[in-house]
Amino acid sequence: MSKSKKKTGKQKTAKQSQLHKPPAKPWLKYLLFLGLLACLVFLATQFFGNSSGSKGSKGKNLVSSYYAPMPLQLSETANIKQEFKDMAKLYNDKKYAEVIPVLNGFLSKKPDVKWNLYRGVAYYEMGELVKAEEDFKLLANSANIYLAEHGKWYQALSALQMGDNGLGKTLLQQLVDKPQGEYVKRAGELLSKL
C-alpha cells in the first residue's frame, strides 16, 4: 500500500508541478520580439531625429542671436498725432497682436513702407514668418536706401528662420557687399557661421 500511496503522491506532485507551470505560448515570444523591435525603432528615431533636429535648431538659435526688433522712436519735437503715439506705445510695449490691426489701418489709408517694417517685426515676433517676410521683401525693394537695408536684414533673418538658407545667404551677401551699410559686420559674421 505504501507503494501505491507513493505513486499517487508522486503523481499528485507531478500534476501539481504541471499546474504551476504556465503552458507555453508561442505568440508571447512574437509579442516580446515586436515590443523589442518597437523600442529599437523608437530609440533610433529619437537619436537620429535629435541629431538632425539639433542642427536645425542650432541654426535657428544662431539667427535668433542676431535678431533684435527694430525700435520705434517718434520725434520729441514734432507735432505727432495721438494715433501714432498710441501705435508706438503698443509696439514698444510688445503688444504685437494689438498693433498689427493699427498698422494695417495706416497702410490702407496711406501706404508707406516704414509701416511694413514695424508690421513685419510684429509678425516676426508672433511667429508668423511668411507674413513677416512679405513685409520685409516690400521694404527691401523700396526706393528708400535706408529702409531697404533694414528690409534686407530682416528678410534674410526671416528666410533663415524658415529654412530658406539660399535666399538668406544671398541677402546677407548683398548687405556685406555694401561697405557703408549698417549691417555689414553682423551680416558678415552671420554668413560666416552658416
C-alpha atoms as a PDB file:
ATOM      1  CA  MET A   1       0.000   0.000   0.000  1.00  0.00           C
ATOM      2  CA  SER A   2       2.715   2.292   0.723  1.00  0.00           C
ATOM      3  CA  LYS A   3       3.970   1.980  -2.851  1.00  0.00           C
ATOM      4  CA  SER A   4       0.605   2.908  -4.280  1.00  0.00           C
ATOM      5  CA  LYS A   5       0.430   5.862  -1.913  1.00  0.00           C
ATOM      6  CA  LYS A   6       3.892   6.902  -3.031  1.00  0.00           C
ATOM      7  CA  LYS A   7       2.874   6.615  -6.679  1.00  0.00           C
ATOM      8  CA  THR A   8      -0.246   8.648  -6.135  1.00  0.00           C
ATOM      9  CA  GLY A   9       1.823  11.123  -4.104  1.00  0.00           C
ATOM     10  CA  LYS A  10       4.337  11.372  -6.938  1.00  0.00           C
ATOM     11  CA  GLN A  11       1.548  11.634  -9.462  1.00  0.00           C
ATOM     12  CA  LYS A  12      -0.027  14.388  -7.410  1.00  0.00           C
ATOM     13  CA  THR A  13       3.241  16.335  -7.177  1.00  0.00           C
ATOM     14  CA  ALA A  14       3.851  15.859 -10.904  1.00  0.00           C
ATOM     15  CA  LYS A  15       0.318  17.069 -11.622  1.00  0.00           C
ATOM     16  CA  GLN A  16       0.754  19.956  -9.187  1.00  0.00           C
ATOM     17  CA  SER A  17       4.040  20.992 -10.821  1.00  0.00           C
ATOM     18  CA  GLN A  18       2.285  20.924 -14.201  1.00  0.00           C
ATOM     19  CA  LEU A  19      -0.472  23.074 -12.769  1.00  0.00           C
ATOM     20  CA  HIS A  20       2.030  25.647 -11.530  1.00  0.00           C
ATOM     21  CA  LYS A  21       3.945  25.669 -14.805  1.00  0.00           C
ATOM     22  CA  PRO A  22       2.247  28.001 -17.301  1.00  0.00           C
ATOM     23  CA  PRO A  23       1.543  26.452 -20.662  1.00  0.00           C
ATOM     24  CA  ALA A  24       3.950  27.501 -23.445  1.00  0.00           C
ATOM     25  CA  LYS A  25       2.556  30.352 -25.512  1.00  0.00           C
ATOM     26  CA  PRO A  26       4.360  30.778 -28.840  1.00  0.00           C
ATOM     27  CA  TRP A  27       2.618  34.061 -29.591  1.00  0.00           C
ATOM     28  CA  LEU A  28       4.170  35.517 -26.427  1.00  0.00           C
ATOM     29  CA  LYS A  29       7.637  35.228 -27.987  1.00  0.00           C
ATOM     30  CA  TYR A  30       6.462  37.102 -31.072  1.00  0.00           C
ATOM     31  CA  LEU A  31       4.834  39.761 -28.942  1.00  0.00           C
ATOM     32  CA  LEU A  32       8.048  40.202 -26.963  1.00  0.00           C
ATOM     33  CA  PHE A  33      10.020  40.390 -30.219  1.00  0.00           C
ATOM     34  CA  LEU A  34       7.652  43.039 -31.632  1.00  0.00           C
ATOM     35  CA  GLY A  35       7.886  45.051 -28.417  1.00  0.00           C
ATOM     36  CA  LEU A  36      11.675  44.958 -28.574  1.00  0.00           C
ATOM     37  CA  LEU A  37      11.605  45.957 -32.232  1.00  0.00           C
ATOM     38  CA  ALA A  38       9.278  48.880 -31.464  1.00  0.00           C
ATOM     39  CA  CYS A  39      11.646  50.061 -28.715  1.00  0.00           C
ATOM     40  CA  LEU A  40      14.598  49.942 -31.095  1.00  0.00           C
ATOM     41  CA  VAL A  41      12.722  51.894 -33.761  1.00  0.00           C
ATOM     42  CA  PHE A  42      11.693  54.497 -31.183  1.00  0.00           C
ATOM     43  CA  LEU A  43      15.247  54.883 -29.889  1.00  0.00           C
ATOM     44  CA  ALA A  44      16.620  55.146 -33.434  1.00  0.00           C
ATOM     45  CA  THR A  45      14.150  57.883 -34.358  1.00  0.00           C
ATOM     46  CA  GLN A  46      14.934  59.754 -31.165  1.00  0.00           C
ATOM     47  CA  PHE A  47      18.656  59.508 -31.770  1.00  0.00           C
ATOM     48  CA  PHE A  48      18.606  60.385 -35.462  1.00  0.00           C
ATOM     49  CA  GLY A  49      15.717  62.822 -35.076  1.00  0.00           C
ATOM     50  CA  ASN A  50      17.587  64.785 -32.397  1.00  0.00           C
ATOM     51  CA  SER A  51      20.864  64.796 -34.263  1.00  0.00           C
ATOM     52  CA  SER A  52      19.326  66.292 -37.404  1.00  0.00           C
ATOM     53  CA  GLY A  53      16.868  68.417 -35.437  1.00  0.00           C
ATOM     54  CA  SER A  54      19.565  69.870 -33.250  1.00  0.00           C
ATOM     55  CA  LYS A  55      21.351  71.132 -36.331  1.00  0.00           C
ATOM     56  CA  GLY A  56      18.183  72.923 -37.456  1.00  0.00           C
ATOM     57  CA  SER A  57      17.527  74.348 -34.024  1.00  0.00           C
ATOM     58  CA  LYS A  58      21.182  75.400 -33.778  1.00  0.00           C
ATOM     59  CA  GLY A  59      20.742  77.424 -36.979  1.00  0.00           C
ATOM     60  CA  LYS A  60      17.552  78.982 -35.655  1.00  0.00           C
ATOM     61  CA  ASN A  61      19.261  79.808 -32.364  1.00  0.00           C
ATOM     62  CA  LEU A  62      22.104  81.362 -34.316  1.00  0.00           C
ATOM     63  CA  VAL A  63      19.678  83.540 -36.266  1.00  0.00           C
ATOM     64  CA  SER A  64      17.842  84.442 -33.055  1.00  0.00           C
ATOM     65  CA  SER A  65      21.099  85.645 -31.532  1.00  0.00           C
ATOM     66  CA  TYR A  66      21.384  88.214 -34.355  1.00  0.00           C
ATOM     67  CA  TYR A  67      17.759  89.287 -34.273  1.00  0.00           C
ATOM     68  CA  ALA A  68      16.523  92.319 -32.356  1.00  0.00           C
ATOM     69  CA  PRO A  69      13.244  94.080 -33.048  1.00  0.00           C
ATOM     70  CA  MET A  70      13.606  97.458 -34.702  1.00  0.00           C
ATOM     71  CA  PRO A  71      12.816 100.130 -32.089  1.00  0.00           C
ATOM     72  CA  LEU A  72      10.093 102.613 -32.935  1.00  0.00           C
ATOM     73  CA  GLN A  73      11.044 106.113 -31.907  1.00  0.00           C
ATOM     74  CA  LEU A  74       8.945 109.145 -32.571  1.00  0.00           C
ATOM     75  CA  SER A  75      10.401 112.600 -32.710  1.00  0.00           C
ATOM     76  CA  GLU A  76      10.015 114.522 -29.476  1.00  0.00           C
ATOM     77  CA  THR A  77       9.968 117.877 -31.216  1.00  0.00           C
ATOM     78  CA  ALA A  78       7.479 117.193 -33.994  1.00  0.00           C
ATOM     79  CA  ASN A  79       3.750 117.613 -33.554  1.00  0.00           C
ATOM     80  CA  ILE A  80       2.674 113.961 -33.770  1.00  0.00           C
ATOM     81  CA  LYS A  81      -0.909 112.757 -33.951  1.00  0.00           C
ATOM     82  CA  GLN A  82      -2.158 110.808 -30.959  1.00  0.00           C
ATOM     83  CA  GLU A  83      -2.915 107.735 -33.112  1.00  0.00           C
ATOM     84  CA  PHE A  84       0.801 107.470 -33.960  1.00  0.00           C
ATOM     85  CA  LYS A  85       1.766 107.842 -30.314  1.00  0.00           C
ATOM     86  CA  ASP A  86      -0.739 105.139 -29.335  1.00  0.00           C
ATOM     87  CA  MET A  87       0.565 102.810 -32.030  1.00  0.00           C
ATOM     88  CA  ALA A  88       4.174 103.427 -30.968  1.00  0.00           C
ATOM     89  CA  LYS A  89       3.290 102.644 -27.354  1.00  0.00           C
ATOM     90  CA  LEU A  90       1.636  99.352 -28.352  1.00  0.00           C
ATOM     91  CA  TYR A  91       4.634  98.426 -30.485  1.00  0.00           C
ATOM     92  CA  ASN A  92       7.253  99.367 -27.907  1.00  0.00           C
ATOM     93  CA  ASP A  93       5.269  97.566 -25.182  1.00  0.00           C
ATOM     94  CA  LYS A  94       5.477  94.467 -27.406  1.00  0.00           C
ATOM     95  CA  LYS A  95       1.715  94.198 -27.796  1.00  0.00           C
ATOM     96  CA  TYR A  96       2.185  92.929 -31.322  1.00  0.00           C
ATOM     97  CA  ALA A  97      -1.244  91.320 -31.745  1.00  0.00           C
ATOM     98  CA  GLU A  98      -2.822  94.691 -30.933  1.00  0.00           C
ATOM     99  CA  VAL A  99      -0.503  96.815 -33.063  1.00  0.00           C
ATOM    100  CA  ILE A 100      -0.925  94.826 -36.302  1.00  0.00           C
ATOM    101  CA  PRO A 101      -4.530  95.985 -36.944  1.00  0.00           C
ATOM    102  CA  VAL A 102      -3.480  99.580 -36.282  1.00  0.00           C
ATOM    103  CA  LEU A 103      -0.604  99.256 -38.765  1.00  0.00           C
ATOM    104  CA  ASN A 104      -2.969  97.622 -41.269  1.00  0.00           C
ATOM    105  CA  GLY A 105      -5.165 100.719 -40.948  1.00  0.00           C
ATOM    106  CA  PHE A 106      -2.228 103.037 -41.552  1.00  0.00           C
ATOM    107  CA  LEU A 107      -1.184 101.025 -44.606  1.00  0.00           C
ATOM    108  CA  SER A 108      -4.693 101.012 -46.055  1.00  0.00           C
ATOM    109  CA  LYS A 109      -5.102 104.792 -45.595  1.00  0.00           C
ATOM    110  CA  LYS A 110      -1.692 105.826 -46.861  1.00  0.00           C
ATOM    111  CA  PRO A 111       0.796 103.098 -47.861  1.00  0.00           C
ATOM    112  CA  ASP A 112       4.271 103.762 -46.521  1.00  0.00           C
ATOM    113  CA  VAL A 113       6.960 101.065 -46.335  1.00  0.00           C
ATOM    114  CA  LYS A 114       8.092 102.235 -42.904  1.00  0.00           C
ATOM    115  CA  TRP A 115       4.844 100.752 -41.539  1.00  0.00           C
ATOM    116  CA  ASN A 116       5.697  97.488 -43.322  1.00  0.00           C
ATOM    117  CA  LEU A 117       8.911  97.397 -41.302  1.00  0.00           C
ATOM    118  CA  TYR A 118       7.115  97.589 -37.967  1.00  0.00           C
ATOM    119  CA  ARG A 119       4.297  95.278 -39.043  1.00  0.00           C
ATOM    120  CA  GLY A 120       6.914  92.806 -40.313  1.00  0.00           C
ATOM    121  CA  VAL A 121       8.669  92.879 -36.949  1.00  0.00           C
ATOM    122  CA  ALA A 122       5.327  92.362 -35.187  1.00  0.00           C
ATOM    123  CA  TYR A 123       4.578  89.349 -37.409  1.00  0.00           C
ATOM    124  CA  TYR A 124       8.100  88.004 -36.834  1.00  0.00           C
ATOM    125  CA  GLU A 125       7.705  88.337 -33.089  1.00  0.00           C
ATOM    126  CA  MET A 126       4.394  86.465 -33.261  1.00  0.00           C
ATOM    127  CA  GLY A 127       5.987  83.646 -35.267  1.00  0.00           C
ATOM    128  CA  GLU A 128       4.152  84.480 -38.493  1.00  0.00           C
ATOM    129  CA  LEU A 129       7.325  84.371 -40.554  1.00  0.00           C
ATOM    130  CA  VAL A 130       5.714  84.174 -44.002  1.00  0.00           C
ATOM    131  CA  LYS A 131       3.780  87.397 -43.411  1.00  0.00           C
ATOM    132  CA  ALA A 132       6.862  88.985 -41.866  1.00  0.00           C
ATOM    133  CA  GLU A 133       8.985  88.101 -44.874  1.00  0.00           C
ATOM    134  CA  GLU A 134       6.374  89.581 -47.233  1.00  0.00           C
ATOM    135  CA  ASP A 135       6.586  92.912 -45.401  1.00  0.00           C
ATOM    136  CA  PHE A 136      10.389  92.808 -45.291  1.00  0.00           C
ATOM    137  CA  LYS A 137      10.548  91.982 -49.011  1.00  0.00           C
ATOM    138  CA  LEU A 138       8.464  95.075 -49.809  1.00  0.00           C
ATOM    139  CA  LEU A 139      10.828  97.073 -47.656  1.00  0.00           C
ATOM    140  CA  ALA A 140      13.969  95.519 -49.223  1.00  0.00           C
ATOM    141  CA  ASN A 141      12.743  96.563 -52.679  1.00  0.00           C
ATOM    142  CA  SER A 142      11.955 100.093 -51.536  1.00  0.00           C
ATOM    143  CA  ALA A 143      13.498 103.166 -53.162  1.00  0.00           C
ATOM    144  CA  ASN A 144      14.459 104.385 -49.676  1.00  0.00           C
ATOM    145  CA  ILE A 145      18.019 103.036 -49.311  1.00  0.00           C
ATOM    146  CA  TYR A 146      17.958 103.237 -45.506  1.00  0.00           C
ATOM    147  CA  LEU A 147      14.692 101.280 -45.205  1.00  0.00           C
ATOM    148  CA  ALA A 148      15.711  98.852 -47.970  1.00  0.00           C
ATOM    149  CA  GLU A 149      18.779  97.875 -45.950  1.00  0.00           C
ATOM    150  CA  HIS A 150      16.648  97.131 -42.894  1.00  0.00           C
ATOM    151  CA  GLY A 151      14.282  95.193 -45.122  1.00  0.00           C
ATOM    152  CA  LYS A 152      17.085  93.001 -46.484  1.00  0.00           C
ATOM    153  CA  TRP A 153      18.428  92.318 -42.991  1.00  0.00           C
ATOM    154  CA  TYR A 154      15.080  91.280 -41.580  1.00  0.00           C
ATOM    155  CA  GLN A 155      14.099  89.401 -44.745  1.00  0.00           C
ATOM    156  CA  ALA A 156      17.361  87.437 -44.526  1.00  0.00           C
ATOM    157  CA  LEU A 157      16.675  86.546 -40.892  1.00  0.00           C
ATOM    158  CA  SER A 158      13.103  85.525 -41.728  1.00  0.00           C
ATOM    159  CA  ALA A 159      14.249  83.376 -44.642  1.00  0.00           C
ATOM    160  CA  LEU A 160      16.854  81.646 -42.472  1.00  0.00           C
ATOM    161  CA  GLN A 161      14.302  81.024 -39.713  1.00  0.00           C
ATOM    162  CA  MET A 162      12.020  79.384 -42.299  1.00  0.00           C
ATOM    163  CA  GLY A 163      14.882  77.228 -43.580  1.00  0.00           C
ATOM    164  CA  ASP A 164      15.465  79.070 -46.881  1.00  0.00           C
ATOM    165  CA  ASN A 165      19.236  79.271 -46.473  1.00  0.00           C
ATOM    166  CA  GLY A 166      19.790  80.118 -50.150  1.00  0.00           C
ATOM    167  CA  LEU A 167      17.743  83.311 -50.012  1.00  0.00           C
ATOM    168  CA  GLY A 168      19.048  84.167 -46.550  1.00  0.00           C
ATOM    169  CA  LYS A 169      22.678  83.861 -47.645  1.00  0.00           C
ATOM    170  CA  THR A 170      22.040  85.841 -50.833  1.00  0.00           C
ATOM    171  CA  LEU A 171      20.511  88.723 -48.883  1.00  0.00           C
ATOM    172  CA  LEU A 172      23.280  88.650 -46.289  1.00  0.00           C
ATOM    173  CA  GLN A 173      25.889  88.754 -49.062  1.00  0.00           C
ATOM    174  CA  GLN A 174      24.153  91.792 -50.579  1.00  0.00           C
ATOM    175  CA  LEU A 175      24.432  93.514 -47.197  1.00  0.00           C
ATOM    176  CA  VAL A 176      28.105  92.579 -46.874  1.00  0.00           C
ATOM    177  CA  ASP A 177      28.776  93.985 -50.338  1.00  0.00           C
ATOM    178  CA  LYS A 178      27.633  97.465 -49.198  1.00  0.00           C
ATOM    179  CA  PRO A 179      30.725  98.752 -47.372  1.00  0.00           C
ATOM    180  CA  GLN A 180      28.915 101.731 -45.851  1.00  0.00           C
ATOM    181  CA  GLY A 181      25.921  99.721 -44.710  1.00  0.00           C
ATOM    182  CA  GLU A 182      24.698  99.419 -41.139  1.00  0.00           C
ATOM    183  CA  TYR A 183      24.556  95.603 -41.257  1.00  0.00           C
ATOM    184  CA  VAL A 184      27.917  94.865 -42.954  1.00  0.00           C
ATOM    185  CA  LYS A 185      29.624  93.467 -39.855  1.00  0.00           C
ATOM    186  CA  ARG A 186      26.656  91.498 -38.490  1.00  0.00           C
ATOM    187  CA  ALA A 187      25.748  90.117 -41.918  1.00  0.00           C
ATOM    188  CA  GLY A 188      29.369  89.022 -42.488  1.00  0.00           C
ATOM    189  CA  GLU A 189      29.563  87.330 -39.088  1.00  0.00           C
ATOM    190  CA  LEU A 190      26.269  85.505 -39.561  1.00  0.00           C
ATOM    191  CA  LEU A 191      27.180  84.491 -43.113  1.00  0.00           C
ATOM    192  CA  SER A 192      30.483  83.014 -41.912  1.00  0.00           C
ATOM    193  CA  LYS A 193      28.668  80.928 -39.267  1.00  0.00           C
ATOM    194  CA  LEU A 194      26.136  79.430 -41.671  1.00  0.00           C
END
